[in-house]
Amino acid sequence: MLKKNMLLLVLIIFLMIVPLIFNGNAEYGGADGEAEELITALNQSYEPWFSSIWEPPSGEIESLLFVLQGAIGAGFIGYFIGYMRGRNRGGNAEIQK
């Protein structure tokens, strides 16, 4: 099991590093910016329905908040999966007695 996990970890690291090596000078933007540019190109009179309530003071803070949101979501999903797995294992142990 450890060997399989290590192989998956190496594969993930490889998949993260290879694009940076081959395309290191590229700008990695989000889908929101791309969509806004496309909509503006298709319809110059487009006006957004809503505006942001709060704009982060810098790109670094915006990235931090995005990563924090992802980490909280991943933690919740991991907790839920672990809880359900533990509950199922605990229930099976009582049945086998």
C-alpha atoms as a PDB file:
ATOM      1  CA  MET A   1       0.000   0.000   0.000  1.00  0.00           C
ATOM      2  CA  LEU A   2       2.828   2.419   0.869  1.00  0.00           C
ATOM      3  CA  LYS A   3       4.531   1.701  -2.453  1.00  0.00           C
ATOM      4  CA  LYS A   4       1.307   2.458  -4.335  1.00  0.00           C
ATOM      5  CA  ASN A   5       0.800   5.738  -2.437  1.00  0.00           C
ATOM      6  CA  MET A   6       4.391   6.819  -3.072  1.00  0.00           C
ATOM      7  CA  LEU A   7       3.973   6.090  -6.786  1.00  0.00           C
ATOM      8  CA  LEU A   8       0.804   8.221  -6.875  1.00  0.00           C
ATOM      9  CA  LEU A   9       2.558  11.043  -5.005  1.00  0.00           C
ATOM     10  CA  VAL A  10       5.478  11.012  -7.464  1.00  0.00           C
ATOM     11  CA  LEU A  11       3.018  11.016 -10.380  1.00  0.00           C
ATOM     12  CA  ILE A  12       1.146  14.023  -8.948  1.00  0.00           C
ATOM     13  CA  ILE A  13       4.374  15.957  -8.396  1.00  0.00           C
ATOM     14  CA  PHE A  14       5.467  15.095 -11.943  1.00  0.00           C
ATOM     15  CA  LEU A  15       2.163  16.340 -13.374  1.00  0.00           C
ATOM     16  CA  MET A  16       2.514  19.602 -11.436  1.00  0.00           C
ATOM     17  CA  ILE A  17       6.116  20.311 -12.420  1.00  0.00           C
ATOM     18  CA  VAL A  18       6.108  19.345 -16.128  1.00  0.00           C
ATOM     19  CA  PRO A  19       3.779  22.193 -17.270  1.00  0.00           C
ATOM     20  CA  LEU A  20       5.879  24.709 -15.342  1.00  0.00           C
ATOM     21  CA  ILE A  21       9.065  23.485 -17.027  1.00  0.00           C
ATOM     22  CA  PHE A  22       7.690  23.497 -20.570  1.00  0.00           C
ATOM     23  CA  ASN A  23       5.564  26.626 -20.220  1.00  0.00           C
ATOM     24  CA  GLY A  24       7.272  28.510 -17.396  1.00  0.00           C
ATOM     25  CA  ASN A  25       6.675  32.054 -18.662  1.00  0.00           C
ATOM     26  CA  ALA A  26       2.938  31.640 -19.186  1.00  0.00           C
ATOM     27  CA  GLU A  27       0.339  33.478 -17.168  1.00  0.00           C
ATOM     28  CA  TYR A  28      -1.943  31.077 -15.365  1.00  0.00           C
ATOM     29  CA  GLY A  29      -5.242  32.909 -15.013  1.00  0.00           C
ATOM     30  CA  GLY A  30      -8.640  31.789 -13.889  1.00  0.00           C
ATOM     31  CA  ALA A  31     -11.707  30.955 -15.907  1.00  0.00           C
ATOM     32  CA  ASP A  32     -13.486  34.102 -14.705  1.00  0.00           C
ATOM     33  CA  GLY A  33     -11.061  36.415 -16.515  1.00  0.00           C
ATOM     34  CA  GLU A  34     -11.197  34.356 -19.692  1.00  0.00           C
ATOM     35  CA  ALA A  35     -14.998  34.329 -19.664  1.00  0.00           C
ATOM     36  CA  GLU A  36     -15.162  38.078 -19.129  1.00  0.00           C
ATOM     37  CA  GLU A  37     -12.825  38.702 -22.077  1.00  0.00           C
ATOM     38  CA  LEU A  38     -14.854  36.398 -24.340  1.00  0.00           C
ATOM     39  CA  ILE A  39     -18.182  37.962 -23.361  1.00  0.00           C
ATOM     40  CA  THR A  40     -16.807  41.469 -23.927  1.00  0.00           C
ATOM     41  CA  ALA A  41     -15.457  40.418 -27.331  1.00  0.00           C
ATOM     42  CA  LEU A  42     -18.839  38.984 -28.352  1.00  0.00           C
ATOM     43  CA  ASN A  43     -20.958  41.829 -26.963  1.00  0.00           C
ATOM     44  CA  GLN A  44     -19.274  45.179 -26.357  1.00  0.00           C
ATOM     45  CA  SER A  45     -22.355  46.624 -24.618  1.00  0.00           C
ATOM     46  CA  TYR A  46     -22.408  43.892 -21.946  1.00  0.00           C
ATOM     47  CA  GLU A  47     -22.662  45.130 -18.375  1.00  0.00           C
ATOM     48  CA  PRO A  48     -22.245  42.718 -15.446  1.00  0.00           C
ATOM     49  CA  TRP A  49     -25.322  42.179 -13.277  1.00  0.00           C
ATOM     50  CA  PHE A  50     -23.393  42.299 -10.004  1.00  0.00           C
ATOM     51  CA  SER A  51     -20.184  43.794  -8.711  1.00  0.00           C
ATOM     52  CA  SER A  52     -17.856  42.468  -6.038  1.00  0.00           C
ATOM     53  CA  ILE A  53     -18.742  43.338  -2.457  1.00  0.00           C
ATOM     54  CA  TRP A  54     -15.079  43.367  -1.422  1.00  0.00           C
ATOM     55  CA  GLU A  55     -11.955  43.320  -3.554  1.00  0.00           C
ATOM     56  CA  PRO A  56      -8.834  41.821  -1.891  1.00  0.00           C
ATOM     57  CA  PRO A  57      -6.016  44.364  -1.552  1.00  0.00           C
ATOM     58  CA  SER A  58      -3.549  42.255  -3.564  1.00  0.00           C
ATOM     59  CA  GLY A  59      -3.303  39.191  -5.756  1.00  0.00           C
ATOM     60  CA  GLU A  60      -1.423  37.329  -3.029  1.00  0.00           C
ATOM     61  CA  ILE A  61      -4.283  37.762  -0.564  1.00  0.00           C
ATOM     62  CA  GLU A  62      -6.757  36.668  -3.208  1.00  0.00           C
ATOM     63  CA  SER A  63      -4.665  33.535  -3.847  1.00  0.00           C
ATOM     64  CA  LEU A  64      -4.415  32.887  -0.097  1.00  0.00           C
ATOM     65  CA  LEU A  65      -8.189  33.070   0.309  1.00  0.00           C
ATOM     66  CA  PHE A  66      -8.706  30.783  -2.681  1.00  0.00           C
ATOM     67  CA  VAL A  67      -6.268  28.199  -1.295  1.00  0.00           C
ATOM     68  CA  LEU A  68      -7.824  28.479   2.172  1.00  0.00           C
ATOM     69  CA  GLN A  69     -11.263  27.843   0.703  1.00  0.00           C
ATOM     70  CA  GLY A  70      -9.950  24.753  -1.105  1.00  0.00           C
ATOM     71  CA  ALA A  71      -8.205  23.464   2.024  1.00  0.00           C
ATOM     72  CA  ILE A  72     -11.349  23.843   4.132  1.00  0.00           C
ATOM     73  CA  GLY A  73     -13.373  22.025   1.484  1.00  0.00           C
ATOM     74  CA  ALA A  74     -10.815  19.224   1.195  1.00  0.00           C
ATOM     75  CA  GLY A  75     -10.685  18.915   4.999  1.00  0.00           C
ATOM     76  CA  PHE A  76     -14.462  18.629   5.194  1.00  0.00           C
ATOM     77  CA  ILE A  77     -14.579  15.999   2.444  1.00  0.00           C
ATOM     78  CA  GLY A  78     -11.722  14.043   4.049  1.00  0.00           C
ATOM     79  CA  TYR A  79     -13.399  14.178   7.457  1.00  0.00           C
ATOM     80  CA  PHE A  80     -16.725  13.024   6.018  1.00  0.00           C
ATOM     81  CA  ILE A  81     -15.156  10.115   4.115  1.00  0.00           C
ATOM     82  CA  GLY A  82     -13.141   9.086   7.185  1.00  0.00           C
ATOM     83  CA  TYR A  83     -16.178   9.343   9.429  1.00  0.00           C
ATOM     84  CA  MET A  84     -18.315   7.231   7.110  1.00  0.00           C
ATOM     85  CA  ARG A  85     -15.562   4.659   6.676  1.00  0.00           C
ATOM     86  CA  GLY A  86     -15.021   4.434  10.428  1.00  0.00           C
ATOM     87  CA  ARG A  87     -18.744   4.142  11.052  1.00  0.00           C
ATOM     88  CA  ASN A  88     -19.027   1.345   8.514  1.00  0.00           C
ATOM     89  CA  ARG A  89     -16.033  -0.493   9.964  1.00  0.00           C
ATOM     90  CA  GLY A  90     -17.357  -0.076  13.495  1.00  0.00           C
ATOM     91  CA  GLY A  91     -20.752  -1.436  12.469  1.00  0.00           C
ATOM     92  CA  ASN A  92     -19.170  -4.466  10.774  1.00  0.00           C
ATOM     93  CA  ALA A  93     -17.101  -5.268  13.891  1.00  0.00           C
ATOM     94  CA  GLU A  94     -20.245  -5.430  16.043  1.00  0.00           C
ATOM     95  CA  ILE A  95     -21.996  -7.723  13.577  1.00  0.00           C
ATOM     96  CA  GLN A  96     -19.066 -10.157  13.508  1.00  0.00           C
ATOM     97  CA  LYS A  97     -19.089 -10.610  17.332  1.00  0.00           C
END
